[in-house]
């Protein structure tokens, strides 16, 4: 909301980024969706790539998924796990 103080200064208050989104600059009103292969927690100023051993196929998620049995996730920021070689 907007609050006008007694000295006539205008302030705009933001709730900040929610889970699955991030706000790159506190002075900016832009809130962006987390990309695939990454996650964003509440109030994040940037996204975090999924660690090795995990992946995230969807945008706007607060956490990464553990790599399933029969697959491997050898890199940071994977949007899909890789099938184990035979």
N, C-alpha and C. Protein backbone atom coordinates (compact mmCIF):
# COMPACT_ATOMS: atom_id res chain seq x y z
N UNK A 1 0.82 -1.18 0.00
CA UNK A 1 0.00 0.00 0.00
C UNK A 1 0.86 1.23 0.00
N UNK A 2 0.22 2.37 -0.09
CA UNK A 2 0.91 3.66 -0.08
C UNK A 2 0.57 4.36 1.23
N UNK A 3 1.58 4.96 1.84
CA UNK A 3 1.40 5.67 3.10
C UNK A 3 1.94 7.08 2.93
N UNK A 4 1.11 8.07 3.23
CA UNK A 4 1.56 9.46 3.19
C UNK A 4 1.82 9.91 4.62
N UNK A 5 3.03 10.29 4.90
CA UNK A 5 3.38 10.72 6.25
C UNK A 5 3.00 12.19 6.43
N UNK A 6 3.18 12.71 7.63
CA UNK A 6 2.84 14.11 7.91
C UNK A 6 3.73 15.07 7.14
N UNK A 7 4.94 14.65 6.74
CA UNK A 7 5.81 15.53 5.98
C UNK A 7 5.62 15.38 4.47
N UNK A 8 4.54 14.74 4.07
CA UNK A 8 4.13 14.59 2.67
C UNK A 8 5.09 13.77 1.80
N UNK A 9 5.84 12.90 2.41
CA UNK A 9 6.69 11.98 1.64
C UNK A 9 5.89 10.75 1.32
N UNK A 10 6.06 10.25 0.13
CA UNK A 10 5.31 9.08 -0.32
C UNK A 10 6.17 7.84 -0.18
N UNK A 11 5.65 6.79 0.46
CA UNK A 11 6.34 5.53 0.60
C UNK A 11 5.47 4.43 0.01
N UNK A 12 6.09 3.50 -0.68
CA UNK A 12 5.38 2.35 -1.22
C UNK A 12 5.94 1.11 -0.55
N UNK A 13 5.08 0.31 0.04
CA UNK A 13 5.51 -0.89 0.74
C UNK A 13 5.22 -2.12 -0.10
N UNK A 14 6.18 -3.01 -0.17
CA UNK A 14 6.02 -4.26 -0.92
C UNK A 14 6.10 -5.43 0.03
N UNK A 15 5.36 -6.46 -0.27
CA UNK A 15 5.44 -7.68 0.52
C UNK A 15 6.69 -8.47 0.18
N UNK A 16 7.31 -8.18 -0.95
CA UNK A 16 8.49 -8.92 -1.37
C UNK A 16 8.10 -10.15 -2.16
N UNK A 17 9.09 -10.88 -2.56
CA UNK A 17 8.87 -12.07 -3.38
C UNK A 17 8.36 -13.22 -2.52
N UNK A 18 7.42 -13.96 -3.06
CA UNK A 18 6.91 -15.15 -2.37
C UNK A 18 7.64 -16.38 -2.91
N UNK A 19 7.36 -17.54 -2.35
CA UNK A 19 8.00 -18.78 -2.80
C UNK A 19 7.81 -18.95 -4.30
N UNK A 20 8.88 -19.33 -4.99
CA UNK A 20 8.82 -19.56 -6.43
C UNK A 20 9.07 -18.32 -7.26
N UNK A 21 9.26 -17.17 -6.59
CA UNK A 21 9.57 -15.92 -7.29
C UNK A 21 10.75 -15.25 -6.61
N UNK A 22 11.34 -14.27 -7.30
CA UNK A 22 12.41 -13.50 -6.70
C UNK A 22 12.30 -12.05 -7.14
N UNK A 23 12.86 -11.17 -6.33
CA UNK A 23 12.83 -9.73 -6.59
C UNK A 23 14.27 -9.26 -6.68
N UNK A 24 14.77 -9.00 -7.92
CA UNK A 24 16.19 -8.70 -8.11
C UNK A 24 16.70 -7.46 -7.39
N UNK A 25 15.88 -6.48 -7.17
CA UNK A 25 16.31 -5.28 -6.44
C UNK A 25 15.18 -4.80 -5.56
N UNK A 26 15.48 -4.46 -4.33
CA UNK A 26 14.43 -4.06 -3.39
C UNK A 26 13.74 -2.77 -3.84
N UNK A 27 14.48 -1.90 -4.55
CA UNK A 27 13.88 -0.65 -4.99
C UNK A 27 13.04 -0.84 -6.26
N UNK A 28 13.20 -1.97 -6.92
CA UNK A 28 12.43 -2.26 -8.12
C UNK A 28 11.11 -2.94 -7.76
N UNK A 29 10.10 -2.69 -8.54
CA UNK A 29 8.81 -3.30 -8.29
C UNK A 29 8.64 -4.58 -9.09
N UNK A 30 9.71 -5.07 -9.67
CA UNK A 30 9.66 -6.25 -10.51
C UNK A 30 9.82 -7.52 -9.68
N UNK A 31 8.89 -8.44 -9.86
CA UNK A 31 9.00 -9.76 -9.24
C UNK A 31 8.99 -10.78 -10.37
N UNK A 32 10.03 -11.61 -10.43
CA UNK A 32 10.20 -12.56 -11.53
C UNK A 32 9.97 -14.00 -11.06
N UNK A 33 9.55 -14.84 -11.99
CA UNK A 33 9.33 -16.26 -11.69
C UNK A 33 10.66 -17.01 -11.79
N UNK A 34 10.88 -17.90 -10.86
CA UNK A 34 12.08 -18.74 -10.88
C UNK A 34 12.12 -19.58 -12.16
N UNK A 35 13.29 -19.71 -12.78
CA UNK A 35 13.38 -20.52 -14.00
C UNK A 35 13.43 -22.02 -13.70
N UNK A 36 13.28 -22.83 -14.73
CA UNK A 36 13.45 -24.28 -14.60
C UNK A 36 14.89 -24.55 -14.17
N UNK A 37 15.09 -25.60 -13.39
CA UNK A 37 16.44 -25.93 -12.92
C UNK A 37 16.89 -25.12 -11.72
N UNK A 38 15.96 -24.36 -11.14
CA UNK A 38 16.29 -23.51 -10.00
C UNK A 38 15.10 -23.45 -9.04
N UNK A 39 15.35 -22.86 -7.85
CA UNK A 39 14.28 -22.67 -6.87
C UNK A 39 14.42 -21.30 -6.22
N UNK A 40 13.33 -20.81 -5.64
CA UNK A 40 13.33 -19.52 -4.95
C UNK A 40 12.54 -19.66 -3.66
N UNK A 41 13.13 -19.26 -2.57
CA UNK A 41 12.45 -19.26 -1.27
C UNK A 41 11.82 -17.90 -1.03
N UNK A 42 10.99 -17.79 -0.01
CA UNK A 42 10.34 -16.51 0.33
C UNK A 42 11.37 -15.39 0.47
N UNK A 43 11.07 -14.25 -0.12
CA UNK A 43 11.93 -13.08 0.02
C UNK A 43 13.23 -13.13 -0.74
N UNK A 44 13.37 -14.04 -1.69
CA UNK A 44 14.64 -14.20 -2.42
C UNK A 44 14.92 -12.98 -3.31
N UNK A 45 16.19 -12.59 -3.39
CA UNK A 45 16.58 -11.51 -4.29
C UNK A 45 17.16 -12.08 -5.59
N UNK A 46 17.31 -13.39 -5.63
CA UNK A 46 17.79 -14.07 -6.84
C UNK A 46 17.40 -15.55 -6.74
N UNK A 47 17.44 -16.25 -7.86
CA UNK A 47 17.14 -17.68 -7.83
C UNK A 47 18.40 -18.45 -7.49
N UNK A 48 18.23 -19.70 -7.03
CA UNK A 48 19.34 -20.58 -6.69
C UNK A 48 19.25 -21.81 -7.58
N UNK A 49 20.35 -22.16 -8.25
CA UNK A 49 20.35 -23.36 -9.09
C UNK A 49 20.21 -24.60 -8.23
N UNK A 50 19.49 -25.58 -8.75
CA UNK A 50 19.36 -26.85 -8.03
C UNK A 50 20.74 -27.48 -7.84
N UNK A 51 21.03 -28.01 -6.67
CA UNK A 51 22.33 -28.64 -6.44
C UNK A 51 22.45 -29.97 -7.18
N UNK A 52 23.67 -30.47 -7.29
CA UNK A 52 23.88 -31.79 -7.89
C UNK A 52 23.07 -32.81 -7.10
N UNK A 53 22.47 -33.76 -7.82
CA UNK A 53 21.64 -34.76 -7.18
C UNK A 53 20.16 -34.37 -7.15
N UNK A 54 19.84 -33.21 -7.73
CA UNK A 54 18.45 -32.76 -7.79
C UNK A 54 18.17 -32.05 -9.11
N UNK A 55 16.88 -31.79 -9.36
CA UNK A 55 16.46 -31.13 -10.60
C UNK A 55 15.13 -30.42 -10.36
N UNK A 56 14.71 -29.57 -11.27
CA UNK A 56 13.41 -28.93 -11.18
C UNK A 56 12.89 -28.66 -12.59
N UNK A 57 11.86 -29.41 -13.04
CA UNK A 57 11.35 -29.27 -14.40
C UNK A 57 10.38 -28.10 -14.58
N UNK A 58 9.89 -27.53 -13.50
CA UNK A 58 8.87 -26.48 -13.60
C UNK A 58 9.41 -25.12 -13.19
N UNK A 59 8.79 -24.08 -13.73
CA UNK A 59 9.12 -22.71 -13.32
C UNK A 59 8.38 -22.39 -12.03
N UNK A 60 8.90 -21.43 -11.27
CA UNK A 60 8.20 -20.92 -10.11
C UNK A 60 8.08 -21.86 -8.94
N UNK A 61 9.13 -22.61 -8.64
CA UNK A 61 9.07 -23.59 -7.56
C UNK A 61 9.94 -23.17 -6.37
N UNK A 62 9.50 -23.53 -5.14
CA UNK A 62 10.26 -23.18 -3.94
C UNK A 62 11.34 -24.19 -3.56
N UNK A 63 11.42 -25.32 -4.26
CA UNK A 63 12.41 -26.35 -3.93
C UNK A 63 12.70 -27.21 -5.16
N UNK A 64 13.80 -27.93 -5.10
CA UNK A 64 14.18 -28.86 -6.17
C UNK A 64 13.74 -30.27 -5.79
N UNK A 65 13.67 -31.14 -6.78
CA UNK A 65 13.27 -32.53 -6.57
C UNK A 65 14.51 -33.41 -6.52
N UNK A 66 14.49 -34.42 -5.68
CA UNK A 66 15.60 -35.37 -5.60
C UNK A 66 15.63 -36.22 -6.86
N UNK A 67 16.81 -36.49 -7.36
CA UNK A 67 16.97 -37.30 -8.56
C UNK A 67 16.41 -38.71 -8.30
N UNK A 68 15.51 -39.21 -9.17
CA UNK A 68 14.90 -40.52 -8.92
C UNK A 68 15.83 -41.70 -9.21
N UNK A 69 15.49 -42.86 -8.71
CA UNK A 69 16.25 -44.08 -8.96
C UNK A 69 16.24 -44.37 -10.46
N UNK A 70 17.38 -44.73 -11.01
CA UNK A 70 17.52 -45.00 -12.44
C UNK A 70 17.95 -43.78 -13.24
N UNK A 71 18.09 -42.64 -12.56
CA UNK A 71 18.53 -41.40 -13.19
C UNK A 71 19.68 -40.82 -12.39
N UNK A 72 20.40 -39.86 -13.00
CA UNK A 72 21.42 -39.15 -12.24
C UNK A 72 21.39 -37.68 -12.62
N UNK A 73 21.84 -36.85 -11.69
CA UNK A 73 21.82 -35.39 -11.85
C UNK A 73 23.22 -34.87 -11.50
N UNK A 74 24.16 -34.92 -12.47
CA UNK A 74 25.55 -34.63 -12.19
C UNK A 74 25.93 -33.14 -12.21
N UNK A 75 25.00 -32.26 -12.55
CA UNK A 75 25.34 -30.84 -12.70
C UNK A 75 24.39 -29.96 -11.89
N UNK A 76 24.82 -28.73 -11.68
CA UNK A 76 23.96 -27.73 -11.05
C UNK A 76 22.91 -27.27 -12.06
N UNK A 77 21.72 -26.97 -11.59
CA UNK A 77 20.71 -26.34 -12.40
C UNK A 77 20.05 -27.19 -13.48
N UNK A 78 19.91 -28.47 -13.24
CA UNK A 78 19.28 -29.33 -14.25
C UNK A 78 17.76 -29.20 -14.24
N UNK A 79 17.14 -29.02 -15.42
CA UNK A 79 15.69 -29.00 -15.50
C UNK A 79 15.09 -30.41 -15.61
N UNK A 80 15.88 -31.38 -16.05
CA UNK A 80 15.43 -32.78 -16.15
C UNK A 80 16.59 -33.70 -15.77
N UNK A 81 16.30 -34.83 -15.09
CA UNK A 81 17.37 -35.77 -14.75
C UNK A 81 17.80 -36.55 -15.99
N UNK A 82 18.97 -37.11 -15.94
CA UNK A 82 19.49 -37.93 -17.04
C UNK A 82 19.32 -39.40 -16.73
N UNK A 83 19.00 -40.18 -17.75
CA UNK A 83 18.83 -41.62 -17.58
C UNK A 83 20.21 -42.25 -17.38
N UNK A 84 20.31 -43.14 -16.41
CA UNK A 84 21.58 -43.85 -16.17
C UNK A 84 21.91 -44.70 -17.40
N UNK A 85 23.18 -44.73 -17.79
CA UNK A 85 23.57 -45.57 -18.92
C UNK A 85 23.44 -47.05 -18.55
N UNK A 86 23.13 -47.84 -19.54
CA UNK A 86 22.94 -49.29 -19.32
C UNK A 86 24.23 -50.01 -19.09
